[in-house]
Amino acid sequence: MARAKMIVMAKATEGQAEALDEWYETRHVPDLLAVPGVRSIERFDVQMMKAPDGFPGWDYVGIYEIEADDINAVLKEMGARMGTERMPHSPTLDSSKTLAVIAHEKRRD
């Protein structure tokens, strides 16, 4: 089985940080955990950030653990569910300022 981490930096729409947090906890996290291959999700509040000028001040960081024979198939399924009833979008999330990084486990043979 291959393993990967997906790190997501999320920014709430103006004045919606609490509503975004609630949506993540009550809706988005359960929806993501329903995708086969998504093993766990950790979420953190951003307390301090050092970034180049022009980067948004993200509110939350999510670290998703993915484990599957085909990581890309898991990501494809996540993408297929996004914006549907199985994984609806929230207007509290400023998608234009979301950053996602997928990192595959480095194999040491």
Protein backbone atom coordinates (compact mmCIF):
# COMPACT_ATOMS: atom_id res chain seq x y z
CA MET A 1 0.00 0.00 0.00
CA ALA A 2 1.15 3.48 -0.82
CA ARG A 3 0.82 6.32 1.65
CA ALA A 4 0.46 10.05 1.16
CA LYS A 5 -0.36 13.18 3.10
CA MET A 6 -2.51 15.97 1.81
CA ILE A 7 -1.91 19.29 3.53
CA VAL A 8 -4.64 21.89 3.02
CA MET A 9 -4.34 25.52 4.07
CA ALA A 10 -7.84 27.01 4.31
CA LYS A 11 -9.02 30.60 4.50
CA ALA A 12 -12.50 31.59 5.62
CA THR A 13 -14.50 34.15 3.72
CA GLU A 14 -14.47 37.48 5.56
CA GLY A 15 -16.01 37.15 9.01
CA GLN A 16 -16.84 33.45 8.57
CA ALA A 17 -13.99 31.69 10.44
CA GLU A 18 -16.26 30.16 13.12
CA ALA A 19 -18.81 29.01 10.54
CA LEU A 20 -16.04 27.49 8.43
CA ASP A 21 -14.68 25.64 11.44
CA GLU A 22 -18.14 24.24 12.21
CA TRP A 23 -18.67 23.17 8.58
CA TYR A 24 -15.32 21.41 8.53
CA GLU A 25 -16.03 19.52 11.76
CA THR A 26 -19.66 18.60 11.16
CA ARG A 27 -19.78 18.13 7.40
CA HIS A 28 -16.53 18.21 5.46
CA VAL A 29 -14.39 15.94 7.66
CA PRO A 30 -17.05 13.18 7.77
CA ASP A 31 -17.51 13.49 3.99
CA LEU A 32 -13.77 13.13 3.41
CA LEU A 33 -13.46 10.19 5.80
CA ALA A 34 -16.17 8.44 3.76
CA VAL A 35 -13.82 8.34 0.74
CA PRO A 36 -12.13 4.93 0.59
CA GLY A 37 -8.42 5.40 1.30
CA VAL A 38 -8.73 8.50 3.49
CA ARG A 39 -7.54 7.16 6.86
CA SER A 40 -7.47 10.19 9.14
CA ILE A 41 -7.70 13.95 9.27
CA GLU A 42 -6.02 16.30 11.73
CA ARG A 43 -6.98 19.96 11.86
CA PHE A 44 -5.15 22.88 13.39
CA ASP A 45 -5.75 26.61 13.88
CA VAL A 46 -3.00 28.71 12.34
CA GLN A 47 -1.36 30.70 15.13
CA MET A 48 1.64 32.11 13.26
CA MET A 49 2.75 32.01 9.67
CA LYS A 50 5.88 33.13 7.86
CA ALA A 51 5.30 33.40 4.14
CA PRO A 52 6.36 35.57 1.21
CA ASP A 53 4.42 38.77 0.58
CA GLY A 54 1.12 38.20 -1.14
CA PHE A 55 0.26 34.90 0.54
CA PRO A 56 -3.08 34.87 2.35
CA GLY A 57 -3.17 34.55 6.11
CA TRP A 58 -4.72 31.09 6.31
CA ASP A 59 -7.03 30.25 9.21
CA TYR A 60 -6.74 26.45 9.31
CA VAL A 61 -4.42 23.63 8.33
CA GLY A 62 -5.71 20.13 7.61
CA ILE A 63 -3.45 17.11 7.33
CA TYR A 64 -5.12 14.17 5.64
CA GLU A 65 -3.59 10.69 5.71
CA ILE A 66 -4.25 8.65 2.59
CA GLU A 67 -3.40 4.97 2.23
CA ALA A 68 -4.29 2.94 -0.86
CA ASP A 69 -2.84 0.88 -3.66
CA ASP A 70 -3.53 3.82 -5.97
CA ILE A 71 -3.27 7.24 -4.29
CA ASN A 72 -4.27 9.00 -7.50
CA ALA A 73 -7.54 7.01 -7.61
CA VAL A 74 -8.35 8.26 -4.08
CA LEU A 75 -7.63 11.85 -5.13
CA LYS A 76 -9.74 11.40 -8.26
CA GLU A 77 -12.65 10.12 -6.16
CA MET A 78 -12.31 13.08 -3.80
CA GLY A 79 -12.42 15.42 -6.79
CA ALA A 80 -15.46 13.65 -8.24
CA ARG A 81 -17.35 14.11 -4.95
CA MET A 82 -16.42 17.78 -4.49
CA GLY A 83 -19.34 20.09 -5.07
CA THR A 84 -21.92 17.28 -4.98
CA GLU A 85 -24.32 16.29 -2.21
CA ARG A 86 -21.71 13.75 -1.09
CA MET A 87 -19.23 16.59 -0.47
CA PRO A 88 -20.87 20.01 -0.82
CA HIS A 89 -18.90 23.23 -0.93
CA SER A 90 -19.44 25.83 1.78
CA PRO A 91 -19.66 29.56 1.06
CA THR A 92 -17.69 30.04 4.30
CA LEU A 93 -14.55 28.72 2.54
CA ASP A 94 -12.63 31.14 0.33
CA SER A 95 -11.62 28.57 -2.29
CA SER A 96 -9.59 31.16 -4.19
CA LYS A 97 -7.15 31.21 -1.26
CA THR A 98 -7.00 27.47 -0.54
CA LEU A 99 -3.63 25.78 -0.89
CA ALA A 100 -3.37 21.99 -1.13
CA VAL A 101 -0.19 19.93 -1.28
CA ILE A 102 -0.09 16.18 -1.91
CA ALA A 103 3.07 14.48 -0.68
CA HIS A 104 3.70 10.81 -1.42
CA GLU A 105 5.65 8.77 1.09
CA LYS A 106 9.31 8.51 0.21
CA ARG A 107 10.17 4.85 -0.11
CA ARG A 108 13.45 3.65 1.29
CA ASP A 109 14.40 0.38 -0.32
